[in-house]
mmCIF file of all heavy atoms, coordinates in Angstrom:
data_MODEL
# 
_entry.id   MODEL 
# 
loop_
_atom_site.group_PDB 
_atom_site.id 
_atom_site.type_symbol 
_atom_site.label_atom_id 
_atom_site.label_alt_id 
_atom_site.label_comp_id 
_atom_site.label_asym_id 
_atom_site.label_entity_id 
_atom_site.label_seq_id 
_atom_site.pdbx_PDB_ins_code 
_atom_site.Cartn_x 
_atom_site.Cartn_y 
_atom_site.Cartn_z 
_atom_site.occupancy 
_atom_site.B_iso_or_equiv 
_atom_site.pdbx_formal_charge 
_atom_site.auth_seq_id 
_atom_site.auth_comp_id 
_atom_site.auth_asym_id 
_atom_site.auth_atom_id 
_atom_site.pdbx_PDB_model_num 
ATOM 1   N N   . VAL A 1 1  ? 66.152 -33.358 1.410  1.00 0.00 ? 1  VAL A N   1 
ATOM 2   C CA  . VAL A 1 1  ? 65.816 -31.977 1.766  1.00 0.00 ? 1  VAL A CA  1 
ATOM 3   C C   . VAL A 1 1  ? 66.090 -31.726 3.248  1.00 0.00 ? 1  VAL A C   1 
ATOM 4   O O   . VAL A 1 1  ? 66.694 -30.721 3.630  1.00 0.00 ? 1  VAL A O   1 
ATOM 5   C CB  . VAL A 1 1  ? 64.342 -31.674 1.434  1.00 0.00 ? 1  VAL A CB  1 
ATOM 6   C CG1 . VAL A 1 1  ? 63.894 -30.364 2.081  1.00 0.00 ? 1  VAL A CG1 1 
ATOM 7   C CG2 . VAL A 1 1  ? 64.137 -31.602 -0.072 1.00 0.00 ? 1  VAL A CG2 1 
ATOM 8   N N   . LEU A 1 2  ? 65.638 -32.650 4.080  1.00 0.00 ? 2  LEU A N   1 
ATOM 9   C CA  . LEU A 1 2  ? 65.855 -32.499 5.521  1.00 0.00 ? 2  LEU A CA  1 
ATOM 10  C C   . LEU A 1 2  ? 67.338 -32.610 5.879  1.00 0.00 ? 2  LEU A C   1 
ATOM 11  O O   . LEU A 1 2  ? 67.810 -31.952 6.811  1.00 0.00 ? 2  LEU A O   1 
ATOM 12  C CB  . LEU A 1 2  ? 65.039 -33.541 6.286  1.00 0.00 ? 2  LEU A CB  1 
ATOM 13  C CG  . LEU A 1 2  ? 63.518 -33.385 6.158  1.00 0.00 ? 2  LEU A CG  1 
ATOM 14  C CD1 . LEU A 1 2  ? 62.805 -34.479 6.934  1.00 0.00 ? 2  LEU A CD1 1 
ATOM 15  C CD2 . LEU A 1 2  ? 63.067 -32.006 6.622  1.00 0.00 ? 2  LEU A CD2 1 
ATOM 16  N N   . ASP A 1 3  ? 68.068 -33.455 5.120  1.00 0.00 ? 3  ASP A N   1 
ATOM 17  C CA  . ASP A 1 3  ? 69.514 -33.548 5.324  1.00 0.00 ? 3  ASP A CA  1 
ATOM 18  C C   . ASP A 1 3  ? 70.196 -32.208 5.037  1.00 0.00 ? 3  ASP A C   1 
ATOM 19  O O   . ASP A 1 3  ? 71.208 -31.870 5.665  1.00 0.00 ? 3  ASP A O   1 
ATOM 20  C CB  . ASP A 1 3  ? 70.125 -34.619 4.422  1.00 0.00 ? 3  ASP A CB  1 
ATOM 21  C CG  . ASP A 1 3  ? 69.860 -36.034 4.923  1.00 0.00 ? 3  ASP A CG  1 
ATOM 22  O OD1 . ASP A 1 3  ? 69.510 -36.164 6.121  1.00 0.00 ? 3  ASP A OD1 1 
ATOM 23  O OD2 . ASP A 1 3  ? 69.987 -36.986 4.140  1.00 0.00 ? 3  ASP A OD2 1 
ATOM 24  N N   . ALA A 1 4  ? 69.640 -31.467 4.092  1.00 0.00 ? 4  ALA A N   1 
ATOM 25  C CA  . ALA A 1 4  ? 70.204 -30.162 3.757  1.00 0.00 ? 4  ALA A CA  1 
ATOM 26  C C   . ALA A 1 4  ? 69.780 -29.106 4.770  1.00 0.00 ? 4  ALA A C   1 
ATOM 27  O O   . ALA A 1 4  ? 70.574 -28.242 5.155  1.00 0.00 ? 4  ALA A O   1 
ATOM 28  C CB  . ALA A 1 4  ? 69.765 -29.744 2.356  1.00 0.00 ? 4  ALA A CB  1 
ATOM 29  N N   . TYR A 1 5  ? 68.530 -29.191 5.220  1.00 0.00 ? 5  TYR A N   1 
ATOM 30  C CA  . TYR A 1 5  ? 67.974 -28.121 6.054  1.00 0.00 ? 5  TYR A CA  1 
ATOM 31  C C   . TYR A 1 5  ? 68.338 -28.242 7.529  1.00 0.00 ? 5  TYR A C   1 
ATOM 32  O O   . TYR A 1 5  ? 68.753 -27.254 8.157  1.00 0.00 ? 5  TYR A O   1 
ATOM 33  C CB  . TYR A 1 5  ? 66.450 -28.111 5.912  1.00 0.00 ? 5  TYR A CB  1 
ATOM 34  C CG  . TYR A 1 5  ? 65.776 -27.131 6.841  1.00 0.00 ? 5  TYR A CG  1 
ATOM 35  C CD1 . TYR A 1 5  ? 65.837 -25.768 6.613  1.00 0.00 ? 5  TYR A CD1 1 
ATOM 36  C CD2 . TYR A 1 5  ? 65.089 -27.575 7.980  1.00 0.00 ? 5  TYR A CD2 1 
ATOM 37  C CE1 . TYR A 1 5  ? 65.239 -24.857 7.464  1.00 0.00 ? 5  TYR A CE1 1 
ATOM 38  C CE2 . TYR A 1 5  ? 64.481 -26.675 8.841  1.00 0.00 ? 5  TYR A CE2 1 
ATOM 39  C CZ  . TYR A 1 5  ? 64.564 -25.322 8.580  1.00 0.00 ? 5  TYR A CZ  1 
ATOM 40  O OH  . TYR A 1 5  ? 63.977 -24.434 9.430  1.00 0.00 ? 5  TYR A OH  1 
ATOM 41  N N   . GLU A 1 6  ? 68.206 -29.419 8.096  1.00 0.00 ? 6  GLU A N   1 
ATOM 42  C CA  . GLU A 1 6  ? 68.311 -29.552 9.550  1.00 0.00 ? 6  GLU A CA  1 
ATOM 43  C C   . GLU A 1 6  ? 69.687 -29.162 10.113 1.00 0.00 ? 6  GLU A C   1 
ATOM 44  O O   . GLU A 1 6  ? 69.749 -28.427 11.108 1.00 0.00 ? 6  GLU A O   1 
ATOM 45  C CB  . GLU A 1 6  ? 67.940 -30.969 9.970  1.00 0.00 ? 6  GLU A CB  1 
ATOM 46  C CG  . GLU A 1 6  ? 66.442 -31.249 9.844  1.00 0.00 ? 6  GLU A CG  1 
ATOM 47  C CD  . GLU A 1 6  ? 66.068 -32.645 10.302 1.00 0.00 ? 6  GLU A CD  1 
ATOM 48  O OE1 . GLU A 1 6  ? 66.986 -33.484 10.467 1.00 0.00 ? 6  GLU A OE1 1 
ATOM 49  O OE2 . GLU A 1 6  ? 64.866 -32.894 10.487 1.00 0.00 ? 6  GLU A OE2 1 
ATOM 50  N N   . PRO A 1 7  ? 70.816 -29.612 9.544  1.00 0.00 ? 7  PRO A N   1 
ATOM 51  C CA  . PRO A 1 7  ? 72.110 -29.197 10.111 1.00 0.00 ? 7  PRO A CA  1 
ATOM 52  C C   . PRO A 1 7  ? 72.304 -27.684 10.063 1.00 0.00 ? 7  PRO A C   1 
ATOM 53  O O   . PRO A 1 7  ? 72.806 -27.088 11.025 1.00 0.00 ? 7  PRO A O   1 
ATOM 54  C CB  . PRO A 1 7  ? 73.137 -29.920 9.221  1.00 0.00 ? 7  PRO A CB  1 
ATOM 55  C CG  . PRO A 1 7  ? 72.389 -31.067 8.625  1.00 0.00 ? 7  PRO A CG  1 
ATOM 56  C CD  . PRO A 1 7  ? 70.991 -30.578 8.428  1.00 0.00 ? 7  PRO A CD  1 
ATOM 57  N N   . ALA A 1 8  ? 71.897 -27.065 8.941  1.00 0.00 ? 8  ALA A N   1 
ATOM 58  C CA  . ALA A 1 8  ? 72.045 -25.616 8.816  1.00 0.00 ? 8  ALA A CA  1 
ATOM 59  C C   . ALA A 1 8  ? 71.149 -24.898 9.821  1.00 0.00 ? 8  ALA A C   1 
ATOM 60  O O   . ALA A 1 8  ? 71.554 -23.920 10.463 1.00 0.00 ? 8  ALA A O   1 
ATOM 61  C CB  . ALA A 1 8  ? 71.710 -25.179 7.393  1.00 0.00 ? 8  ALA A CB  1 
ATOM 62  N N   . ALA A 1 9  ? 69.910 -25.383 9.983  1.00 0.00 ? 9  ALA A N   1 
ATOM 63  C CA  . ALA A 1 9  ? 68.968 -24.750 10.917 1.00 0.00 ? 9  ALA A CA  1 
ATOM 64  C C   . ALA A 1 9  ? 69.457 -24.883 12.355 1.00 0.00 ? 9  ALA A C   1 
ATOM 65  O O   . ALA A 1 9  ? 69.344 -23.946 13.153 1.00 0.00 ? 9  ALA A O   1 
ATOM 66  C CB  . ALA A 1 9  ? 67.589 -25.380 10.757 1.00 0.00 ? 9  ALA A CB  1 
ATOM 67  N N   . ASN A 1 10 ? 69.994 -26.042 12.696 1.00 0.00 ? 10 ASN A N   1 
ATOM 68  C CA  . ASN A 1 10 ? 70.517 -26.238 14.056 1.00 0.00 ? 10 ASN A CA  1 
ATOM 69  C C   . ASN A 1 10 ? 71.717 -25.335 14.324 1.00 0.00 ? 10 ASN A C   1 
ATOM 70  O O   . ASN A 1 10 ? 71.871 -24.792 15.431 1.00 0.00 ? 10 ASN A O   1 
ATOM 71  C CB  . ASN A 1 10 ? 70.910 -27.697 14.262 1.00 0.00 ? 10 ASN A CB  1 
ATOM 72  C CG  . ASN A 1 10 ? 69.697 -28.614 14.327 1.00 0.00 ? 10 ASN A CG  1 
ATOM 73  O OD1 . ASN A 1 10 ? 68.595 -28.169 14.641 1.00 0.00 ? 10 ASN A OD1 1 
ATOM 74  N ND2 . ASN A 1 10 ? 69.889 -29.886 14.016 1.00 0.00 ? 10 ASN A ND2 1 
ATOM 75  N N   . ARG A 1 11 ? 72.576 -25.182 13.311 1.00 0.00 ? 11 ARG A N   1 
ATOM 76  C CA  . ARG A 1 11 ? 73.745 -24.310 13.474 1.00 0.00 ? 11 ARG A CA  1 
ATOM 77  C C   . ARG A 1 11 ? 73.307 -22.863 13.700 1.00 0.00 ? 11 ARG A C   1 
ATOM 78  O O   . ARG A 1 11 ? 73.880 -22.143 14.518 1.00 0.00 ? 11 ARG A O   1 
ATOM 79  C CB  . ARG A 1 11 ? 74.643 -24.410 12.242 1.00 0.00 ? 11 ARG A CB  1 
ATOM 80  C CG  . ARG A 1 11 ? 75.947 -23.622 12.391 1.00 0.00 ? 11 ARG A CG  1 
ATOM 81  C CD  . ARG A 1 11 ? 76.928 -23.940 11.266 1.00 0.00 ? 11 ARG A CD  1 
ATOM 82  N NE  . ARG A 1 11 ? 76.404 -23.539 9.967  1.00 0.00 ? 11 ARG A NE  1 
ATOM 83  C CZ  . ARG A 1 11 ? 76.005 -24.388 9.020  1.00 0.00 ? 11 ARG A CZ  1 
ATOM 84  N NH1 . ARG A 1 11 ? 76.060 -25.692 9.236  1.00 0.00 ? 11 ARG A NH1 1 
ATOM 85  N NH2 . ARG A 1 11 ? 75.555 -23.949 7.867  1.00 0.00 ? 11 ARG A NH2 1 
ATOM 86  N N   . ILE A 1 12 ? 72.280 -22.442 12.961 1.00 0.00 ? 12 ILE A N   1 
ATOM 87  C CA  . ILE A 1 12 ? 71.763 -21.083 13.131 1.00 0.00 ? 12 ILE A CA  1 
ATOM 88  C C   . ILE A 1 12 ? 71.224 -20.894 14.544 1.00 0.00 ? 12 ILE A C   1 
ATOM 89  O O   . ILE A 1 12 ? 71.512 -19.894 15.214 1.00 0.00 ? 12 ILE A O   1 
ATOM 90  C CB  . ILE A 1 12 ? 70.657 -20.791 12.095 1.00 0.00 ? 12 ILE A CB  1 
ATOM 91  C CG1 . ILE A 1 12 ? 71.260 -20.713 10.692 1.00 0.00 ? 12 ILE A CG1 1 
ATOM 92  C CG2 . ILE A 1 12 ? 69.931 -19.490 12.435 1.00 0.00 ? 12 ILE A CG2 1 
ATOM 93  C CD1 . ILE A 1 12 ? 70.228 -20.596 9.586  1.00 0.00 ? 12 ILE A CD1 1 
ATOM 94  N N   . ALA A 1 13 ? 70.428 -21.848 15.029 1.00 0.00 ? 13 ALA A N   1 
ATOM 95  C CA  . ALA A 1 13 ? 69.842 -21.746 16.361 1.00 0.00 ? 13 ALA A CA  1 
ATOM 96  C C   . ALA A 1 13 ? 70.928 -21.664 17.434 1.00 0.00 ? 13 ALA A C   1 
ATOM 97  O O   . ALA A 1 13 ? 70.861 -20.840 18.355 1.00 0.00 ? 13 ALA A O   1 
ATOM 98  C CB  . ALA A 1 13 ? 68.921 -22.937 16.629 1.00 0.00 ? 13 ALA A CB  1 
ATOM 99  N N   . ASN A 1 14 ? 71.954 -22.512 17.310 1.00 0.00 ? 14 ASN A N   1 
ATOM 100 C CA  . ASN A 1 14 ? 73.039 -22.500 18.299 1.00 0.00 ? 14 ASN A CA  1 
ATOM 101 C C   . ASN A 1 14 ? 73.816 -21.191 18.267 1.00 0.00 ? 14 ASN A C   1 
ATOM 102 O O   . ASN A 1 14 ? 74.152 -20.634 19.318 1.00 0.00 ? 14 ASN A O   1 
ATOM 103 C CB  . ASN A 1 14 ? 73.994 -23.676 18.034 1.00 0.00 ? 14 ASN A CB  1 
ATOM 104 C CG  . ASN A 1 14 ? 73.376 -25.012 18.365 1.00 0.00 ? 14 ASN A CG  1 
ATOM 105 O OD1 . ASN A 1 14 ? 72.468 -25.096 19.180 1.00 0.00 ? 14 ASN A OD1 1 
ATOM 106 N ND2 . ASN A 1 14 ? 73.861 -26.069 17.730 1.00 0.00 ? 14 ASN A ND2 1 
ATOM 107 N N   . THR A 1 15 ? 74.096 -20.698 17.063 1.00 0.00 ? 15 THR A N   1 
ATOM 108 C CA  . THR A 1 15 ? 74.874 -19.470 16.927 1.00 0.00 ? 15 THR A CA  1 
ATOM 109 C C   . THR A 1 15 ? 74.132 -18.283 17.504 1.00 0.00 ? 15 THR A C   1 
ATOM 110 O O   . THR A 1 15 ? 74.707 -17.453 18.223 1.00 0.00 ? 15 THR A O   1 
ATOM 111 C CB  . THR A 1 15 ? 75.211 -19.205 15.448 1.00 0.00 ? 15 THR A CB  1 
ATOM 112 O OG1 . THR A 1 15 ? 75.956 -20.309 14.924 1.00 0.00 ? 15 THR A OG1 1 
ATOM 113 C CG2 . THR A 1 15 ? 76.035 -17.935 15.298 1.00 0.00 ? 15 THR A CG2 1 
ATOM 114 N N   . VAL A 1 16 ? 72.842 -18.181 17.213 1.00 0.00 ? 16 VAL A N   1 
ATOM 115 C CA  . VAL A 1 16 ? 72.046 -17.066 17.730 1.00 0.00 ? 16 VAL A CA  1 
ATOM 116 C C   . VAL A 1 16 ? 71.976 -17.130 19.258 1.00 0.00 ? 16 VAL A C   1 
ATOM 117 O O   . VAL A 1 16 ? 72.124 -16.115 19.942 1.00 0.00 ? 16 VAL A O   1 
ATOM 118 C CB  . VAL A 1 16 ? 70.626 -17.076 17.129 1.00 0.00 ? 16 VAL A CB  1 
ATOM 119 C CG1 . VAL A 1 16 ? 69.720 -16.073 17.838 1.00 0.00 ? 16 VAL A CG1 1 
ATOM 120 C CG2 . VAL A 1 16 ? 70.687 -16.759 15.640 1.00 0.00 ? 16 VAL A CG2 1 
ATOM 121 N N   . ALA A 1 17 ? 71.764 -18.324 19.794 1.00 0.00 ? 17 ALA A N   1 
ATOM 122 C CA  . ALA A 1 17 ? 71.655 -18.474 21.249 1.00 0.00 ? 17 ALA A CA  1 
ATOM 123 C C   . ALA A 1 17 ? 72.952 -18.074 21.945 1.00 0.00 ? 17 ALA A C   1 
ATOM 124 O O   . ALA A 1 17 ? 72.945 -17.330 22.925 1.00 0.00 ? 17 ALA A O   1 
ATOM 125 C CB  . ALA A 1 17 ? 71.293 -19.914 21.597 1.00 0.00 ? 17 ALA A CB  1 
ATOM 126 N N   . VAL A 1 18 ? 74.079 -18.553 21.428 1.00 0.00 ? 18 VAL A N   1 
ATOM 127 C CA  . VAL A 1 18 ? 75.382 -18.243 22.033 1.00 0.00 ? 18 VAL A CA  1 
ATOM 128 C C   . VAL A 1 18 ? 75.673 -16.751 21.938 1.00 0.00 ? 18 VAL A C   1 
ATOM 129 O O   . VAL A 1 18 ? 76.139 -16.129 22.899 1.00 0.00 ? 18 VAL A O   1 
ATOM 130 C CB  . VAL A 1 18 ? 76.500 -19.060 21.353 1.00 0.00 ? 18 VAL A CB  1 
ATOM 131 C CG1 . VAL A 1 18 ? 77.873 -18.557 21.793 1.00 0.00 ? 18 VAL A CG1 1 
ATOM 132 C CG2 . VAL A 1 18 ? 76.352 -20.539 21.689 1.00 0.00 ? 18 VAL A CG2 1 
ATOM 133 N N   . SER A 1 19 ? 75.397 -16.162 20.776 1.00 0.00 ? 19 SER A N   1 
ATOM 134 C CA  . SER A 1 19 ? 75.656 -14.730 20.591 1.00 0.00 ? 19 SER A CA  1 
ATOM 135 C C   . SER A 1 19 ? 74.808 -13.899 21.535 1.00 0.00 ? 19 SER A C   1 
ATOM 136 O O   . SER A 1 19 ? 75.272 -12.902 22.101 1.00 0.00 ? 19 SER A O   1 
ATOM 137 C CB  . SER A 1 19 ? 75.391 -14.325 19.137 1.00 0.00 ? 19 SER A CB  1 
ATOM 138 O OG  . SER A 1 19 ? 76.272 -14.981 18.257 1.00 0.00 ? 19 SER A OG  1 
ATOM 139 N N   . PHE A 1 20 ? 73.550 -14.300 21.721 1.00 0.00 ? 20 PHE A N   1 
ATOM 140 C CA  . PHE A 1 20 ? 72.665 -13.548 22.608 1.00 0.00 ? 20 PHE A CA  1 
ATOM 141 C C   . PHE A 1 20 ? 73.147 -13.642 24.048 1.00 0.00 ? 20 PHE A C   1 
ATOM 142 O O   . PHE A 1 20 ? 73.181 -12.636 24.764 1.00 0.00 ? 20 PHE A O   1 
ATOM 143 C CB  . PHE A 1 20 ? 71.234 -14.072 22.499 1.00 0.00 ? 20 PHE A CB  1 
ATOM 144 C CG  . PHE A 1 20 ? 70.228 -13.237 23.251 1.00 0.00 ? 20 PHE A CG  1 
ATOM 145 C CD1 . PHE A 1 20 ? 69.608 -12.165 22.640 1.00 0.00 ? 20 PHE A CD1 1 
ATOM 146 C CD2 . PHE A 1 20 ? 69.907 -13.515 24.561 1.00 0.00 ? 20 PHE A CD2 1 
ATOM 147 C CE1 . PHE A 1 20 ? 68.695 -11.377 23.319 1.00 0.00 ? 20 PHE A CE1 1 
ATOM 148 C CE2 . PHE A 1 20 ? 68.992 -12.745 25.265 1.00 0.00 ? 20 PHE A CE2 1 
ATOM 149 C CZ  . PHE A 1 20 ? 68.389 -11.672 24.629 1.00 0.00 ? 20 PHE A CZ  1 
ATOM 150 N N   . VAL A 1 21 ? 73.524 -14.839 24.474 1.00 0.00 ? 21 VAL A N   1 
ATOM 151 C CA  . VAL A 1 21 ? 74.005 -15.019 25.849 1.00 0.00 ? 21 VAL A CA  1 
ATOM 152 C C   . VAL A 1 21 ? 75.277 -14.201 26.070 1.00 0.00 ? 21 VAL A C   1 
ATOM 153 O O   . VAL A 1 21 ? 75.449 -13.542 27.107 1.00 0.00 ? 21 VAL A O   1 
ATOM 154 C CB  . VAL A 1 21 ? 74.259 -16.510 26.135 1.00 0.00 ? 21 VAL A CB  1 
ATOM 155 C CG1 . VAL A 1 21 ? 74.996 -16.667 27.464 1.00 0.00 ? 21 VAL A CG1 1 
ATOM 156 C CG2 . VAL A 1 21 ? 72.946 -17.273 26.177 1.00 0.00 ? 21 VAL A CG2 1 
ATOM 157 N N   . ASP A 1 22 ? 76.203 -14.228 25.088 1.00 0.00 ? 22 ASP A N   1 
ATOM 158 C CA  . ASP A 1 22 ? 77.441 -13.452 25.212 1.00 0.00 ? 22 ASP A CA  1 
ATOM 159 C C   . ASP A 1 22 ? 77.145 -11.965 25.341 1.00 0.00 ? 22 ASP A C   1 
ATOM 160 O O   . ASP A 1 22 ? 77.747 -11.266 26.169 1.00 0.00 ? 22 ASP A O   1 
ATOM 161 C CB  . ASP A 1 22 ? 78.340 -13.695 23.997 1.00 0.00 ? 22 ASP A CB  1 
ATOM 162 C CG  . ASP A 1 22 ? 78.970 -15.074 24.008 1.00 0.00 ? 22 ASP A CG  1 
ATOM 163 O OD1 . ASP A 1 22 ? 78.935 -15.732 25.065 1.00 0.00 ? 22 ASP A OD1 1 
ATOM 164 O OD2 . ASP A 1 22 ? 79.486 -15.503 22.962 1.00 0.00 ? 22 ASP A OD2 1 
ATOM 165 N N   . GLU A 1 23 ? 76.222 -11.464 24.517 1.00 0.00 ? 23 GLU A N   1 
ATOM 166 C CA  . GLU A 1 23 ? 75.888 -10.041 24.570 1.00 0.00 ? 23 GLU A CA  1 
ATOM 167 C C   . GLU A 1 23 ? 75.205 -9.689  25.886 1.00 0.00 ? 23 GLU A C   1 
ATOM 168 O O   . GLU A 1 23 ? 75.477 -8.634  26.473 1.00 0.00 ? 23 GLU A O   1 
ATOM 169 C CB  . GLU A 1 23 ? 74.967 -9.685  23.389 1.00 0.00 ? 23 GLU A CB  1 
ATOM 170 C CG  . GLU A 1 23 ? 74.462 -8.256  23.373 1.00 0.00 ? 23 GLU A CG  1 
ATOM 171 C CD  . GLU A 1 23 ? 75.571 -7.224  23.256 1.00 0.00 ? 23 GLU A CD  1 
ATOM 172 O OE1 . GLU A 1 23 ? 76.687 -7.580  22.810 1.00 0.00 ? 23 GLU A OE1 1 
ATOM 173 O OE2 . GLU A 1 23 ? 75.329 -6.053  23.608 1.00 0.00 ? 23 GLU A OE2 1 
ATOM 174 N N   . ARG A 1 24 ? 74.338 -10.570 26.348 1.00 0.00 ? 24 ARG A N   1 
ATOM 175 C CA  . ARG A 1 24 ? 73.647 -10.303 27.615 1.00 0.00 ? 24 ARG A CA  1 
ATOM 176 C C   . ARG A 1 24 ? 74.647 -10.257 28.776 1.00 0.00 ? 24 ARG A C   1 
ATOM 177 O O   . ARG A 1 24 ? 74.542 -9.406  29.661 1.00 0.00 ? 24 ARG A O   1 
ATOM 178 C CB  . ARG A 1 24 ? 72.590 -11.369 27.863 1.00 0.00 ? 24 ARG A CB  1 
ATOM 179 C CG  . ARG A 1 24 ? 71.652 -11.028 29.018 1.00 0.00 ? 24 ARG A CG  1 
ATOM 180 C CD  . ARG A 1 24 ? 70.482 -11.971 29.066 1.00 0.00 ? 24 ARG A CD  1 
ATOM 181 N NE  . ARG A 1 24 ? 69.531 -11.564 30.078 1.00 0.00 ? 24 ARG A NE  1 
ATOM 182 C CZ  . ARG A 1 24 ? 68.597 -10.635 29.911 1.00 0.00 ? 24 ARG A CZ  1 
ATOM 183 N NH1 . ARG A 1 24 ? 68.490 -10.016 28.747 1.00 0.00 ? 24 ARG A NH1 1 
ATOM 184 N NH2 . ARG A 1 24 ? 67.769 -10.317 30.883 1.00 0.00 ? 24 ARG A NH2 1 
ATOM 185 N N   . GLU A 1 25 ? 75.614 -11.163 28.769 1.00 0.00 ? 25 GLU A N   1 
ATOM 186 C CA  . GLU A 1 25 ? 76.633 -11.163 29.819 1.00 0.00 ? 25 GLU A CA  1 
ATOM 187 C C   . GLU A 1 25 ? 77.475 -9.898  29.742 1.00 0.00 ? 25 GLU A C   1 
ATOM 188 O O   . GLU A 1 25 ? 77.863 -9.340  30.773 1.00 0.00 ? 25 GLU A O   1 
ATOM 189 C CB  . GLU A 1 25 ? 77.513 -12.405 29.694 1.00 0.00 ? 25 GLU A CB  1 
ATOM 190 C CG  . GLU A 1 25 ? 76.796 -13.699 30.080 1.00 0.00 ? 25 GLU A CG  1 
ATOM 191 C CD  . GLU A 1 25 ? 77.676 -14.917 29.938 1.00 0.00 ? 25 GLU A CD  1 
ATOM 192 O OE1 . GLU A 1 25 ? 78.764 -14.785 29.321 1.00 0.00 ? 25 GLU A OE1 1 
ATOM 193 O OE2 . GLU A 1 25 ? 77.297 -15.988 30.431 1.00 0.00 ? 25 GLU A OE2 1 
ATOM 194 N N   . ARG A 1 26 ? 77.758 -9.434  28.513 1.00 0.00 ? 26 ARG A N   1 
ATOM 195 C CA  . ARG A 1 26 ? 78.524 -8.198  28.359 1.00 0.00 ? 26 ARG A CA  1 
ATOM 196 C C   . ARG A 1 26 ? 77.756 -7.013  28.947 1.00 0.00 ? 26 ARG A C   1 
ATOM 197 O O   . ARG A 1 26 ? 78.326 -6.164  29.644 1.00 0.00 ? 26 ARG A O   1 
ATOM 198 C CB  . ARG A 1 26 ? 78.821 -7.942  26.876 1.00 0.00 ? 26 ARG A CB  1 
ATOM 199 C CG  . ARG A 1 26 ? 79.718 -6.731  26.639 1.00 0.00 ? 26 ARG A CG  1 
ATOM 200 C CD  . ARG A 1 26 ? 79.839 -6.419  25.158 1.00 0.00 ? 26 ARG A CD  1 
ATOM 201 N NE  . ARG A 1 26 ? 78.588 -5.930  24.627 1.00 0.00 ? 26 ARG A NE  1 
ATOM 202 C CZ  . ARG A 1 26 ? 78.155 -4.666  24.751 1.00 0.00 ? 26 ARG A CZ  1 
ATOM 203 N NH1 . ARG A 1 26 ? 78.892 -3.778  25.402 1.00 0.00 ? 26 ARG A NH1 1 
ATOM 204 N NH2 . ARG A 1 26 ? 77.009 -4.289  24.235 1.00 0.00 ? 26 ARG A NH2 1 
ATOM 205 N N   . VAL A 1 27 ? 76.454 -6.963  28.683 1.00 0.00 ? 27 VAL A N   1 
ATOM 206 C CA  . VAL A 1 27 ? 75.612 -5.886  29.216 1.00 0.00 ? 27 VAL A CA  1 
ATOM 207 C C   . VAL A 1 27 ? 75.588 -5.938  30.743 1.00 0.00 ? 27 VAL A C   1 
ATOM 208 O O   . VAL A 1 27 ? 75.693 -4.907  31.419 1.00 0.00 ? 27 VAL A O   1 
ATOM 209 C CB  . VAL A 1 27 ? 74.187 -5.979  28.652 1.00 0.00 ? 27 VAL A CB  1 
ATOM 210 C CG1 . VAL A 1 27 ? 73.242 -5.025  29.381 1.00 0.00 ? 27 VAL A CG1 1 
ATOM 211 C CG2 . VAL A 1 27 ? 74.185 -5.671  27.159 1.00 0.00 ? 27 VAL A CG2 1 
ATOM 212 N N   . ILE A 1 28 ? 75.468 -7.148  31.286 1.00 0.00 ? 28 ILE A N   1 
ATOM 213 C CA  . ILE A 1 28 ? 75.445 -7.304  32.746 1.00 0.00 ? 28 ILE A CA  1 
ATOM 214 C C   . ILE A 1 28 ? 76.759 -6.835  33.356 1.00 0.00 ? 28 ILE A C   1 
ATOM 215 O O   . ILE A 1 28 ? 76.776 -6.149  34.386 1.00 0.00 ? 28 ILE A O   1 
ATOM 216 C CB  . ILE A 1 28 ? 75.156 -8.771  33.125 1.00 0.00 ? 28 ILE A CB  1 
ATOM 217 C CG1 . ILE A 1 28 ? 73.706 -9.127  32.760 1.00 0.00 ? 28 ILE A CG1 1 
ATOM 218 C CG2 . ILE A 1 28 ? 75.403 -9.004  34.616 1.00 0.00 ? 28 ILE A CG2 1 
ATOM 219 C CD1 . ILE A 1 28 ? 73.378 -10.590 32.940 1.00 0.00 ? 28 ILE A CD1 1 
ATOM 220 N N   . ARG A 1 29 ? 77.875 -7.190  32.721 1.00 0.00 ? 29 ARG A N   1 
ATOM 221 C CA  . ARG A 1 29 ? 79.183 -6.748  33.229 1.00 0.00 ? 29 ARG A CA  1 
ATOM 222 C C   . ARG A 1 29 ? 79.298 -5.227  33.194 1.00 0.00 ? 29 ARG A C   1 
ATOM 223 O O   . ARG A 1 29 ? 79.823 -4.615  34.128 1.00 0.00 ? 29 ARG A O   1 
ATOM 224 C CB  . ARG A 1 29 ? 80.315 -7.384  32.411 1.00 0.00 ? 29 ARG A CB  1 
ATOM 225 C CG  . ARG A 1 29 ? 80.542 -8.865  32.707 1.00 0.00 ? 29 ARG A CG  1 
ATOM 226 C CD  . ARG A 1 29 ? 81.868 -9.324  32.149 1.00 0.00 ? 29 ARG A CD  1 
ATOM 227 N NE  . ARG A 1 29 ? 81.935 -9.180  30.701 1.00 0.00 ? 29 ARG A NE  1 
ATOM 228 C CZ  . ARG A 1 29 ? 81.546 -10.116 29.840 1.00 0.00 ? 29 ARG A CZ  1 
ATOM 229 N NH1 . ARG A 1 29 ? 81.073 -11.268 30.272 1.00 0.00 ? 29 ARG A NH1 1 
ATOM 230 N NH2 . ARG A 1 29 ? 81.652 -9.921  28.540 1.00 0.00 ? 29 ARG A NH2 1 
# 
């Protein structure tokens, strides 16, 4: 179960963080 959940959860966390930072930088620009 953890083998199924953890990689997907980590990918979600990384994607959201990167997208938020990109959008914030766009707003700042």
